Amino acid sequence: MEKIEQNLIIYVCNHGFSYDAMKEARKAGARGGTILHGRSSISQEKTKFFGIRIHPEKDVLFIVCKKENTDKLMKALTDNFGVETEARGLCFSLPVSDSIGFSFEPLPPFEEKVV
């Protein structure tokens, strides 16, 4: 079995921006991701940090990708949904030592579906 070097991209943003950020990651080649909804640990009295209002509701997006695609995907996430946008998105990656069940075969071109 071929060993593929992988990374886990973790993207954290204000609630409501993760689905659009995932669309950008798909356009850049991501096969998929998992979104978790959460709440910031910052208390209500500390809702401003360096003059920036901290949104208490957060989304966390996890994407497992080939190591060589990490920079491209992180750039896609943060170009339109980075820390200087309303999303206040930040992202980092961690190496994945082992995994089962992931496919990294290319997907057909991304087409946004209107429902």
PDB file of N, CA and C in Angstrom:
ATOM      1  N   MET A   1       0.840  -1.179   0.000  1.00  0.00           N
ATOM      2  CA  MET A   1       0.000   0.000   0.000  1.00  0.00           C
ATOM      3  C   MET A   1       0.891   1.249   0.000  1.00  0.00           C
ATOM      4  N   GLU A   2       0.582   2.175  -0.883  1.00  0.00           N
ATOM      5  CA  GLU A   2       1.362   3.408  -1.015  1.00  0.00           C
ATOM      6  C   GLU A   2       1.111   4.331   0.176  1.00  0.00           C
ATOM      7  N   LYS A   3       2.178   4.848   0.755  1.00  0.00           N
ATOM      8  CA  LYS A   3       2.077   5.778   1.882  1.00  0.00           C
ATOM      9  C   LYS A   3       2.024   7.198   1.322  1.00  0.00           C
ATOM     10  N   ILE A   4       0.938   7.910   1.563  1.00  0.00           N
ATOM     11  CA  ILE A   4       0.760   9.283   1.101  1.00  0.00           C
ATOM     12  C   ILE A   4       0.936  10.212   2.292  1.00  0.00           C
ATOM     13  N   GLU A   5       1.842  11.189   2.159  1.00  0.00           N
ATOM     14  CA  GLU A   5       2.014  12.168   3.230  1.00  0.00           C
ATOM     15  C   GLU A   5       0.794  13.074   3.262  1.00  0.00           C
ATOM     16  N   GLN A   6       0.215  13.225   4.463  1.00  0.00           N
ATOM     17  CA  GLN A   6      -1.026  13.976   4.624  1.00  0.00           C
ATOM     18  C   GLN A   6      -0.906  15.011   5.720  1.00  0.00           C
ATOM     19  N   ASN A   7      -1.734  16.047   5.616  1.00  0.00           N
ATOM     20  CA  ASN A   7      -1.863  17.050   6.662  1.00  0.00           C
ATOM     21  C   ASN A   7      -3.333  17.222   7.000  1.00  0.00           C
ATOM     22  N   LEU A   8      -3.593  17.674   8.207  1.00  0.00           N
ATOM     23  CA  LEU A   8      -4.922  18.074   8.639  1.00  0.00           C
ATOM     24  C   LEU A   8      -4.924  19.590   8.715  1.00  0.00           C
ATOM     25  N   ILE A   9      -5.770  20.219   7.914  1.00  0.00           N
ATOM     26  CA  ILE A   9      -5.939  21.671   7.977  1.00  0.00           C
ATOM     27  C   ILE A   9      -7.070  21.947   8.951  1.00  0.00           C
ATOM     28  N   ILE A  10      -6.817  22.846   9.883  1.00  0.00           N
ATOM     29  CA  ILE A  10      -7.832  23.268  10.844  1.00  0.00           C
ATOM     30  C   ILE A  10      -8.068  24.755  10.617  1.00  0.00           C
ATOM     31  N   TYR A  11      -9.294  25.091  10.270  1.00  0.00           N
ATOM     32  CA  TYR A  11      -9.687  26.470   9.971  1.00  0.00           C
ATOM     33  C   TYR A  11     -10.777  26.868  10.960  1.00  0.00           C
ATOM     34  N   VAL A  12     -10.567  27.952  11.700  1.00  0.00           N
ATOM     35  CA  VAL A  12     -11.519  28.433  12.701  1.00  0.00           C
ATOM     36  C   VAL A  12     -12.000  29.811  12.263  1.00  0.00           C
ATOM     37  N   CYS A  13     -13.324  30.009  12.252  1.00  0.00           N
ATOM     38  CA  CYS A  13     -13.873  31.294  11.829  1.00  0.00           C
ATOM     39  C   CYS A  13     -15.139  31.614  12.616  1.00  0.00           C
ATOM     40  N   ASN A  14     -15.620  32.838  12.448  1.00  0.00           N
ATOM     41  CA  ASN A  14     -16.902  33.210  13.026  1.00  0.00           C
ATOM     42  C   ASN A  14     -17.995  32.337  12.421  1.00  0.00           C
ATOM     43  N   HIS A  15     -19.007  32.059  13.219  1.00  0.00           N
ATOM     44  CA  HIS A  15     -20.115  31.214  12.781  1.00  0.00           C
ATOM     45  C   HIS A  15     -20.754  31.763  11.502  1.00  0.00           C
ATOM     46  N   GLY A  16     -21.013  30.847  10.567  1.00  0.00           N
ATOM     47  CA  GLY A  16     -21.708  31.219   9.348  1.00  0.00           C
ATOM     48  C   GLY A  16     -20.822  31.367   8.124  1.00  0.00           C
ATOM     49  N   PHE A  17     -19.518  31.316   8.288  1.00  0.00           N
ATOM     50  CA  PHE A  17     -18.610  31.502   7.166  1.00  0.00           C
ATOM     51  C   PHE A  17     -17.961  30.204   6.677  1.00  0.00           C
ATOM     52  N   SER A  18     -18.072  29.148   7.432  1.00  0.00           N
ATOM     53  CA  SER A  18     -17.348  27.920   7.104  1.00  0.00           C
ATOM     54  C   SER A  18     -17.842  27.256   5.826  1.00  0.00           C
ATOM     55  N   TYR A  19     -19.132  27.330   5.535  1.00  0.00           N
ATOM     56  CA  TYR A  19     -19.650  26.690   4.321  1.00  0.00           C
ATOM     57  C   TYR A  19     -19.111  27.380   3.071  1.00  0.00           C
ATOM     58  N   ASP A  20     -19.064  28.709   3.097  1.00  0.00           N
ATOM     59  CA  ASP A  20     -18.504  29.443   1.960  1.00  0.00           C
ATOM     60  C   ASP A  20     -16.998  29.222   1.854  1.00  0.00           C
ATOM     61  N   ALA A  21     -16.313  29.153   2.994  1.00  0.00           N
ATOM     62  CA  ALA A  21     -14.873  28.881   2.982  1.00  0.00           C
ATOM     63  C   ALA A  21     -14.620  27.487   2.406  1.00  0.00           C
ATOM     64  N   MET A  22     -15.477  26.516   2.738  1.00  0.00           N
ATOM     65  CA  MET A  22     -15.326  25.165   2.195  1.00  0.00           C
ATOM     66  C   MET A  22     -15.530  25.153   0.686  1.00  0.00           C
ATOM     67  N   LYS A  23     -16.439  25.971   0.176  1.00  0.00           N
ATOM     68  CA  LYS A  23     -16.631  26.081  -1.277  1.00  0.00           C
ATOM     69  C   LYS A  23     -15.339  26.531  -1.947  1.00  0.00           C
ATOM     70  N   GLU A  24     -14.645  27.503  -1.337  1.00  0.00           N
ATOM     71  CA  GLU A  24     -13.367  27.979  -1.879  1.00  0.00           C
ATOM     72  C   GLU A  24     -12.314  26.871  -1.837  1.00  0.00           C
ATOM     73  N   ALA A  25     -12.293  26.115  -0.742  1.00  0.00           N
ATOM     74  CA  ALA A  25     -11.333  25.011  -0.635  1.00  0.00           C
ATOM     75  C   ALA A  25     -11.624  23.941  -1.688  1.00  0.00           C
ATOM     76  N   ARG A  26     -12.887  23.662  -1.964  1.00  0.00           N
ATOM     77  CA  ARG A  26     -13.245  22.681  -2.998  1.00  0.00           C
ATOM     78  C   ARG A  26     -12.764  23.159  -4.371  1.00  0.00           C
ATOM     79  N   LYS A  27     -12.934  24.453  -4.652  1.00  0.00           N
ATOM     80  CA  LYS A  27     -12.464  25.007  -5.923  1.00  0.00           C
ATOM     81  C   LYS A  27     -10.952  24.835  -6.057  1.00  0.00           C
ATOM     82  N   ALA A  28     -10.253  24.856  -4.916  1.00  0.00           N
ATOM     83  CA  ALA A  28      -8.791  24.705  -4.910  1.00  0.00           C
ATOM     84  C   ALA A  28      -8.354  23.249  -4.879  1.00  0.00           C
ATOM     85  N   GLY A  29      -9.321  22.311  -4.842  1.00  0.00           N
ATOM     86  CA  GLY A  29      -8.962  20.903  -4.919  1.00  0.00           C
ATOM     87  C   GLY A  29      -9.283  20.041  -3.723  1.00  0.00           C
ATOM     88  N   ALA A  30      -9.852  20.601  -2.663  1.00  0.00           N
ATOM     89  CA  ALA A  30     -10.217  19.779  -1.501  1.00  0.00           C
ATOM     90  C   ALA A  30     -11.348  18.837  -1.882  1.00  0.00           C
ATOM     91  N   ARG A  31     -11.287  17.631  -1.386  1.00  0.00           N
ATOM     92  CA  ARG A  31     -12.348  16.663  -1.678  1.00  0.00           C
ATOM     93  C   ARG A  31     -13.524  16.837  -0.743  1.00  0.00           C
ATOM     94  N   GLY A  32     -13.288  17.309   0.443  1.00  0.00           N
ATOM     95  CA  GLY A  32     -14.368  17.482   1.410  1.00  0.00           C
ATOM     96  C   GLY A  32     -13.806  17.921   2.737  1.00  0.00           C
ATOM     97  N   GLY A  33     -14.682  18.133   3.673  1.00  0.00           N
ATOM     98  CA  GLY A  33     -14.263  18.569   4.996  1.00  0.00           C
ATOM     99  C   GLY A  33     -15.365  18.301   5.996  1.00  0.00           C
ATOM    100  N   THR A  34     -15.055  18.516   7.253  1.00  0.00           N
ATOM    101  CA  THR A  34     -16.017  18.356   8.334  1.00  0.00           C
ATOM    102  C   THR A  34     -16.114  19.667   9.084  1.00  0.00           C
ATOM    103  N   ILE A  35     -17.337  20.130   9.311  1.00  0.00           N
ATOM    104  CA  ILE A  35     -17.570  21.394  10.016  1.00  0.00           C
ATOM    105  C   ILE A  35     -18.176  21.094  11.378  1.00  0.00           C
ATOM    106  N   LEU A  36     -17.580  21.674  12.407  1.00  0.00           N
ATOM    107  CA  LEU A  36     -18.122  21.596  13.762  1.00  0.00           C
ATOM    108  C   LEU A  36     -18.500  23.004  14.204  1.00  0.00           C
ATOM    109  N   HIS A  37     -19.585  23.121  14.925  1.00  0.00           N
ATOM    110  CA  HIS A  37     -20.012  24.410  15.454  1.00  0.00           C
ATOM    111  C   HIS A  37     -19.655  24.453  16.932  1.00  0.00           C
ATOM    112  N   GLY A  38     -19.169  25.605  17.377  1.00  0.00           N
ATOM    113  CA  GLY A  38     -18.766  25.742  18.764  1.00  0.00           C
ATOM    114  C   GLY A  38     -18.923  27.146  19.277  1.00  0.00           C
ATOM    115  N   ARG A  39     -18.383  27.363  20.437  1.00  0.00           N
ATOM    116  CA  ARG A  39     -18.470  28.659  21.108  1.00  0.00           C
ATOM    117  C   ARG A  39     -17.097  29.016  21.637  1.00  0.00           C
ATOM    118  N   SER A  40     -16.738  30.286  21.504  1.00  0.00           N
ATOM    119  CA  SER A  40     -15.447  30.775  21.988  1.00  0.00           C
ATOM    120  C   SER A  40     -15.371  30.641  23.506  1.00  0.00           C
ATOM    121  N   SER A  41     -14.171  30.447  24.010  1.00  0.00           N
ATOM    122  CA  SER A  41     -13.989  30.347  25.457  1.00  0.00           C
ATOM    123  C   SER A  41     -13.867  31.722  26.110  1.00  0.00           C
ATOM    124  N   ILE A  42     -13.840  32.784  25.304  1.00  0.00           N
ATOM    125  CA  ILE A  42     -13.717  34.136  25.851  1.00  0.00           C
ATOM    126  C   ILE A  42     -15.037  34.539  26.488  1.00  0.00           C
ATOM    127  N   SER A  43     -14.954  35.062  27.717  1.00  0.00           N
ATOM    128  CA  SER A  43     -16.172  35.441  28.434  1.00  0.00           C
ATOM    129  C   SER A  43     -16.797  36.695  27.819  1.00  0.00           C
ATOM    130  N   GLN A  44     -18.060  36.928  28.129  1.00  0.00           N
ATOM    131  CA  GLN A  44     -18.795  38.055  27.564  1.00  0.00           C
ATOM    132  C   GLN A  44     -18.128  39.399  27.866  1.00  0.00           C
ATOM    133  N   GLU A  45     -17.524  39.559  29.044  1.00  0.00           N
ATOM    134  CA  GLU A  45     -16.902  40.844  29.374  1.00  0.00           C
ATOM    135  C   GLU A  45     -15.623  41.095  28.580  1.00  0.00           C
ATOM    136  N   LYS A  46     -15.102  40.081  27.914  1.00  0.00           N
ATOM    137  CA  LYS A  46     -13.883  40.238  27.116  1.00  0.00           C
ATOM    138  C   LYS A  46     -14.183  40.077  25.633  1.00  0.00           C
ATOM    139  N   THR A  47     -15.295  40.642  25.154  1.00  0.00           N
ATOM    140  CA  THR A  47     -15.682  40.446  23.764  1.00  0.00           C
ATOM    141  C   THR A  47     -14.889  41.314  22.799  1.00  0.00           C
ATOM    142  N   LYS A  48     -14.020  42.184  23.306  1.00  0.00           N
ATOM    143  CA  LYS A  48     -13.131  42.948  22.428  1.00  0.00           C
ATOM    144  C   LYS A  48     -11.691  42.592  22.779  1.00  0.00           C
ATOM    145  N   PHE A  49     -10.894  42.373  21.747  1.00  0.00           N
ATOM    146  CA  PHE A  49      -9.496  42.004  21.919  1.00  0.00           C
ATOM    147  C   PHE A  49      -8.693  42.841  20.942  1.00  0.00           C
ATOM    148  N   PHE A  50      -7.833  43.715  21.447  1.00  0.00           N
ATOM    149  CA  PHE A  50      -7.082  44.661  20.615  1.00  0.00           C
ATOM    150  C   PHE A  50      -8.014  45.457  19.710  1.00  0.00           C
ATOM    151  N   GLY A  51      -9.169  45.841  20.254  1.00  0.00           N
ATOM    152  CA  GLY A  51     -10.113  46.659  19.499  1.00  0.00           C
ATOM    153  C   GLY A  51     -10.960  45.887  18.508  1.00  0.00           C
ATOM    154  N   ILE A  52     -10.792  44.564  18.444  1.00  0.00           N
ATOM    155  CA  ILE A  52     -11.560  43.739  17.518  1.00  0.00           C
ATOM    156  C   ILE A  52     -12.635  42.998  18.312  1.00  0.00           C
ATOM    157  N   ARG A  53     -13.881  43.121  17.869  1.00  0.00           N
ATOM    158  CA  ARG A  53     -14.970  42.419  18.535  1.00  0.00           C
ATOM    159  C   ARG A  53     -14.836  40.923  18.273  1.00  0.00           C
ATOM    160  N   ILE A  54     -14.866  40.136  19.323  1.00  0.00           N
ATOM    161  CA  ILE A  54     -14.759  38.683  19.229  1.00  0.00           C
ATOM    162  C   ILE A  54     -16.173  38.105  19.152  1.00  0.00           C
ATOM    163  N   HIS A  55     -16.465  37.416  18.095  1.00  0.00           N
ATOM    164  CA  HIS A  55     -17.763  36.774  17.907  1.00  0.00           C
ATOM    165  C   HIS A  55     -17.760  35.489  18.722  1.00  0.00           C
ATOM    166  N   PRO A  56     -18.740  35.282  19.616  1.00  0.00           N
ATOM    167  CA  PRO A  56     -18.682  34.102  20.487  1.00  0.00           C
ATOM    168  C   PRO A  56     -18.959  32.772  19.783  1.00  0.00           C
ATOM    169  N   GLU A  57     -19.758  32.786  18.719  1.00  0.00           N
ATOM    170  CA  GLU A  57     -20.071  31.544  18.002  1.00  0.00           C
ATOM    171  C   GLU A  57     -18.992  31.292  16.953  1.00  0.00           C
ATOM    172  N   LYS A  58     -18.451  30.092  16.923  1.00  0.00           N
ATOM    173  CA  LYS A  58     -17.356  29.741  16.016  1.00  0.00           C
ATOM    174  C   LYS A  58     -17.706  28.506  15.201  1.00  0.00           C
ATOM    175  N   ASP A  59     -17.094  28.403  14.036  1.00  0.00           N
ATOM    176  CA  ASP A  59     -17.135  27.191  13.224  1.00  0.00           C
ATOM    177  C   ASP A  59     -15.698  26.700  13.086  1.00  0.00           C
ATOM    178  N   VAL A  60     -15.528  25.390  13.093  1.00  0.00           N
ATOM    179  CA  VAL A  60     -14.225  24.780  12.892  1.00  0.00           C
ATOM    180  C   VAL A  60     -14.352  23.824  11.708  1.00  0.00           C
ATOM    181  N   LEU A  61     -13.489  24.013  10.733  1.00  0.00           N
ATOM    182  CA  LEU A  61     -13.487  23.189   9.527  1.00  0.00           C
ATOM    183  C   LEU A  61     -12.227  22.335   9.529  1.00  0.00           C
ATOM    184  N   PHE A  62     -12.386  21.028   9.341  1.00  0.00           N
ATOM    185  CA  PHE A  62     -11.271  20.096   9.260  1.00  0.00           C
ATOM    186  C   PHE A  62     -11.185  19.556   7.835  1.00  0.00           C
ATOM    187  N   ILE A  63      -9.997  19.628   7.240  1.00  0.00           N
ATOM    188  CA  ILE A  63      -9.771  19.070   5.907  1.00  0.00           C
ATOM    189  C   ILE A  63      -8.493  18.241   5.946  1.00  0.00           C
ATOM    190  N   VAL A  64      -8.572  16.971   5.565  1.00  0.00           N
ATOM    191  CA  VAL A  64      -7.379  16.139   5.420  1.00  0.00           C
ATOM    192  C   VAL A  64      -6.997  16.188   3.946  1.00  0.00           C
ATOM    193  N   CYS A  65      -5.735  16.480   3.672  1.00  0.00           N
ATOM    194  CA  CYS A  65      -5.282  16.630   2.288  1.00  0.00           C
ATOM    195  C   CYS A  65      -3.870  16.075   2.133  1.00  0.00           C
ATOM    196  N   LYS A  66      -3.470  15.908   0.872  1.00  0.00           N
ATOM    197  CA  LYS A  66      -2.086  15.557   0.610  1.00  0.00           C
ATOM    198  C   LYS A  66      -1.205  16.710   1.063  1.00  0.00           C
ATOM    199  N   LYS A  67      -0.027  16.370   1.577  1.00  0.00           N
ATOM    200  CA  LYS A  67       0.882  17.383   2.097  1.00  0.00           C
ATOM    201  C   LYS A  67       1.187  18.461   1.056  1.00  0.00           C
ATOM    202  N   GLU A  68       1.366  18.063  -0.212  1.00  0.00           N
ATOM    203  CA  GLU A  68       1.741  19.038  -1.237  1.00  0.00           C
ATOM    204  C   GLU A  68       0.607  20.003  -1.591  1.00  0.00           C
ATOM    205  N   ASN A  69      -0.632  19.711  -1.162  1.00  0.00           N
ATOM    206  CA  ASN A  69      -1.765  20.609  -1.437  1.00  0.00           C
ATOM    207  C   ASN A  69      -2.088  21.548  -0.277  1.00  0.00           C
ATOM    208  N   THR A  70      -1.405  21.389   0.835  1.00  0.00           N
ATOM    209  CA  THR A  70      -1.738  22.138   2.046  1.00  0.00           C
ATOM    210  C   THR A  70      -1.691  23.648   1.835  1.00  0.00           C
ATOM    211  N   ASP A  71      -0.594  24.169   1.304  1.00  0.00           N
ATOM    212  CA  ASP A  71      -0.471  25.623   1.144  1.00  0.00           C
ATOM    213  C   ASP A  71      -1.552  26.193   0.234  1.00  0.00           C
ATOM    214  N   LYS A  72      -1.837  25.492  -0.861  1.00  0.00           N
ATOM    215  CA  LYS A  72      -2.852  25.952  -1.805  1.00  0.00           C
ATOM    216  C   LYS A  72      -4.234  26.030  -1.142  1.00  0.00           C
ATOM    217  N   LEU A  73      -4.567  25.017  -0.357  1.00  0.00           N
ATOM    218  CA  LEU A  73      -5.865  24.991   0.308  1.00  0.00           C
ATOM    219  C   LEU A  73      -5.957  26.041   1.414  1.00  0.00           C
ATOM    220  N   MET A  74      -4.888  26.202   2.179  1.00  0.00           N
ATOM    221  CA  MET A  74      -4.900  27.211   3.241  1.00  0.00           C
ATOM    222  C   MET A  74      -5.021  28.614   2.648  1.00  0.00           C
ATOM    223  N   LYS A  75      -4.355  28.853   1.534  1.00  0.00           N
ATOM    224  CA  LYS A  75      -4.454  30.144   0.861  1.00  0.00           C
ATOM    225  C   LYS A  75      -5.877  30.376   0.371  1.00  0.00           C
ATOM    226  N   ALA A  76      -6.512  29.343  -0.188  1.00  0.00           N
ATOM    227  CA  ALA A  76      -7.895  29.469  -0.663  1.00  0.00           C
ATOM    228  C   ALA A  76      -8.837  29.817   0.489  1.00  0.00           C
ATOM    229  N   LEU A  77      -8.606  29.218   1.650  1.00  0.00           N
ATOM    230  CA  LEU A  77      -9.453  29.500   2.812  1.00  0.00           C
ATOM    231  C   LEU A  77      -9.278  30.924   3.323  1.00  0.00           C
ATOM    232  N   THR A  78      -8.041  31.386   3.373  1.00  0.00           N
ATOM    233  CA  THR A  78      -7.776  32.675   4.028  1.00  0.00           C
ATOM    234  C   THR A  78      -7.792  33.873   3.083  1.00  0.00           C
ATOM    235  N   ASP A  79      -7.727  33.668   1.773  1.00  0.00           N
ATOM    236  CA  ASP A  79      -7.768  34.812   0.854  1.00  0.00           C
ATOM    237  C   ASP A  79      -9.053  35.619   1.008  1.00  0.00           C
ATOM    238  N   ASN A  80     -10.193  34.940   1.074  1.00  0.00           N
ATOM    239  CA  ASN A  80     -11.475  35.638   1.199  1.00  0.00           C
ATOM    240  C   ASN A  80     -12.102  35.538   2.579  1.00  0.00           C
ATOM    241  N   PHE A  81     -11.562  34.670   3.429  1.00  0.00           N
ATOM    242  CA  PHE A  81     -12.166  34.438   4.740  1.00  0.00           C
ATOM    243  C   PHE A  81     -11.098  34.420   5.835  1.00  0.00           C
ATOM    244  N   GLY A  82     -10.081  35.263   5.698  1.00  0.00           N
ATOM    245  CA  GLY A  82      -8.970  35.302   6.650  1.00  0.00           C
ATOM    246  C   GLY A  82      -9.223  36.201   7.847  1.00  0.00           C
ATOM    247  N   VAL A  83      -8.177  36.450   8.620  1.00  0.00           N
ATOM    248  CA  VAL A  83      -8.303  37.220   9.860  1.00  0.00           C
ATOM    249  C   VAL A  83      -8.688  38.675   9.637  1.00  0.00           C
ATOM    250  N   GLU A  84      -8.432  39.210   8.468  1.00  0.00           N
ATOM    251  CA  GLU A  84      -8.757  40.613   8.206  1.00  0.00           C
ATOM    252  C   GLU A  84     -10.131  40.780   7.566  1.00  0.00           C
ATOM    253  N   THR A  85     -10.908  39.715   7.490  1.00  0.00           N
ATOM    254  CA  THR A  85     -12.261  39.764   6.940  1.00  0.00           C
ATOM    255  C   THR A  85     -13.269  39.630   8.076  1.00  0.00           C
ATOM    256  N   GLU A  86     -14.536  39.770   7.749  1.00  0.00           N
ATOM    257  CA  GLU A  86     -15.585  39.609   8.746  1.00  0.00           C
ATOM    258  C   GLU A  86     -15.598  38.192   9.331  1.00  0.00           C
ATOM    259  N   ALA A  87     -15.125  37.222   8.561  1.00  0.00           N
ATOM    260  CA  ALA A  87     -15.062  35.829   9.040  1.00  0.00           C
ATOM    261  C   ALA A  87     -14.043  35.671  10.164  1.00  0.00           C
ATOM    262  N   ARG A  88     -13.019  36.508  10.175  1.00  0.00           N
ATOM    263  CA  ARG A  88     -11.926  36.423  11.160  1.00  0.00           C
ATOM    264  C   ARG A  88     -11.335  35.016  11.185  1.00  0.00           C
ATOM    265  N   GLY A  89     -11.205  34.422   9.995  1.00  0.00           N
ATOM    266  CA  GLY A  89     -10.737  33.046   9.912  1.00  0.00           C
ATOM    267  C   GLY A  89      -9.235  32.920  10.066  1.00  0.00           C
ATOM    268  N   LEU A  90      -8.841  31.947  10.822  1.00  0.00           N
ATOM    269  CA  LEU A  90      -7.421  31.616  10.932  1.00  0.00           C
ATOM    270  C   LEU A  90      -7.266  30.138  10.691  1.00  0.00           C
ATOM    271  N   CYS A  91      -6.080  29.754  10.272  1.00  0.00           N
ATOM    272  CA  CYS A  91      -5.915  28.368   9.903  1.00  0.00           C
ATOM    273  C   CYS A  91      -4.498  27.907  10.157  1.00  0.00           C
ATOM    274  N   PHE A  92      -4.379  26.629  10.441  1.00  0.00           N
ATOM    275  CA  PHE A  92      -3.076  26.007  10.644  1.00  0.00           C
ATOM    276  C   PHE A  92      -3.193  24.549  10.230  1.00  0.00           C
ATOM    277  N   SER A  93      -2.056  23.895  10.104  1.00  0.00           N
ATOM    278  CA  SER A  93      -2.080  22.486   9.706  1.00  0.00           C
ATOM    279  C   SER A  93      -1.203  21.663  10.636  1.00  0.00           C
ATOM    280  N   LEU A  94      -1.531  20.391  10.690  1.00  0.00           N
ATOM    281  CA  LEU A  94      -0.786  19.422  11.489  1.00  0.00           C
ATOM    282  C   LEU A  94      -0.536  18.193  10.625  1.00  0.00           C
ATOM    283  N   PRO A  95       0.608  17.532  10.798  1.00  0.00           N
ATOM    284  CA  PRO A  95       0.855  16.303  10.034  1.00  0.00           C
ATOM    285  C   PRO A  95      -0.049  15.172  10.523  1.00  0.00           C
ATOM    286  N   VAL A  96      -0.460  14.335   9.597  1.00  0.00           N
ATOM    287  CA  VAL A  96      -1.249  13.144   9.907  1.00  0.00           C
ATOM    288  C   VAL A  96      -0.317  11.952   9.741  1.00  0.00           C
ATOM    289  N   SER A  97      -0.140  11.177  10.795  1.00  0.00           N
ATOM    290  CA  SER A  97       0.790  10.046  10.706  1.00  0.00           C
ATOM    291  C   SER A  97       0.148   8.827  10.048  1.00  0.00           C
ATOM    292  N   ASP A  98      -1.103   8.569  10.327  1.00  0.00           N
ATOM    293  CA  ASP A  98      -1.800   7.419   9.749  1.00  0.00           C
ATOM    294  C   ASP A  98      -3.263   7.775   9.542  1.00  0.00           C
ATOM    295  N   SER A  99      -3.870   7.160   8.532  1.00  0.00           N
ATOM    296  CA  SER A  99      -5.306   7.344   8.306  1.00  0.00           C
ATOM    297  C   SER A  99      -5.834   6.160   7.506  1.00  0.00           C
ATOM    298  N   ILE A 100      -7.142   5.982   7.569  1.00  0.00           N
ATOM    299  CA  ILE A 100      -7.817   4.934   6.811  1.00  0.00           C
ATOM    300  C   ILE A 100      -9.063   5.554   6.188  1.00  0.00           C
ATOM    301  N   GLY A 101      -9.317   5.211   4.930  1.00  0.00           N
ATOM    302  CA  GLY A 101     -10.574   5.591   4.304  1.00  0.00           C
ATOM    303  C   GLY A 101     -10.564   6.864   3.494  1.00  0.00           C
ATOM    304  N   PHE A 102      -9.439   7.551   3.406  1.00  0.00           N
ATOM    305  CA  PHE A 102      -9.385   8.791   2.632  1.00  0.00           C
ATOM    306  C   PHE A 102      -9.005   8.484   1.191  1.00  0.00           C
ATOM    307  N   SER A 103      -9.674   9.161   0.262  1.00  0.00           N
ATOM    308  CA  SER A 103      -9.338   9.073  -1.149  1.00  0.00           C
ATOM    309  C   SER A 103      -8.868  10.441  -1.611  1.00  0.00           C
ATOM    310  N   PHE A 104      -7.779  10.459  -2.343  1.00  0.00           N
ATOM    311  CA  PHE A 104      -7.244  11.727  -2.836  1.00  0.00           C
ATOM    312  C   PHE A 104      -7.304  11.802  -4.355  1.00  0.00           C
ATOM    313  N   GLU A 105      -8.135  10.951  -4.951  1.00  0.00           N
ATOM    314  CA  GLU A 105      -8.333  11.012  -6.396  1.00  0.00           C
ATOM    315  C   GLU A 105      -9.021  12.332  -6.742  1.00  0.00           C
ATOM    316  N   PRO A 106      -8.688  12.917  -7.895  1.00  0.00           N
ATOM    317  CA  PRO A 106      -9.309  14.191  -8.267  1.00  0.00           C
ATOM    318  C   PRO A 106     -10.821  14.068  -8.434  1.00  0.00           C
ATOM    319  N   LEU A 107     -11.516  15.114  -8.031  1.00  0.00           N
ATOM    320  CA  LEU A 107     -12.951  15.195  -8.232  1.00  0.00           C
ATOM    321  C   LEU A 107     -13.223  15.884  -9.571  1.00  0.00           C
ATOM    322  N   PRO A 108     -14.418  15.686 -10.131  1.00  0.00           N
ATOM    323  CA  PRO A 108     -14.765  16.466 -11.320  1.00  0.00           C
ATOM    324  C   PRO A 108     -14.782  17.950 -10.960  1.00  0.00           C
ATOM    325  N   PRO A 109     -14.691  18.854 -11.917  1.00  0.00           N
ATOM    326  CA  PRO A 109     -14.687  20.289 -11.626  1.00  0.00           C
ATOM    327  C   PRO A 109     -15.865  20.687 -10.736  1.00  0.00           C
ATOM    328  N   PHE A 110     -15.608  21.585  -9.804  1.00  0.00           N
ATOM    329  CA  PHE A 110     -16.620  22.037  -8.851  1.00  0.00           C
ATOM    330  C   PHE A 110     -17.676  22.871  -9.557  1.00  0.00           C
ATOM    331  N   GLU A 111     -18.935  22.519  -9.332  1.00  0.00           N
ATOM    332  CA  GLU A 111     -20.044  23.302  -9.845  1.00  0.00           C
ATOM    333  C   GLU A 111     -20.955  23.617  -8.689  1.00  0.00           C
ATOM    334  N   GLU A 112     -21.209  24.884  -8.459  1.00  0.00           N
ATOM    335  CA  GLU A 112     -22.082  25.279  -7.373  1.00  0.00           C
ATOM    336  C   GLU A 112     -23.517  24.967  -7.784  1.00  0.00           C
ATOM    337  N   LYS A 113     -24.220  24.230  -6.926  1.00  0.00           N
ATOM    338  CA  LYS A 113     -25.598  23.855  -7.198  1.00  0.00           C
ATOM    339  C   LYS A 113     -26.544  24.807  -6.505  1.00  0.00           C
ATOM    340  N   VAL A 114     -27.519  25.276  -7.224  1.00  0.00           N
ATOM    341  CA  VAL A 114     -28.543  26.141  -6.639  1.00  0.00           C
ATOM    342  C   VAL A 114     -29.741  25.272  -6.329  1.00  0.00           C
ATOM    343  N   VAL A 115     -30.165  25.300  -5.067  1.00  0.00           N
ATOM    344  CA  VAL A 115     -31.279  24.446  -4.637  1.00  0.00           C
ATOM    345  C   VAL A 115     -32.525  25.276  -4.490  1.00  0.00           C
TER     346      VAL A 115
END
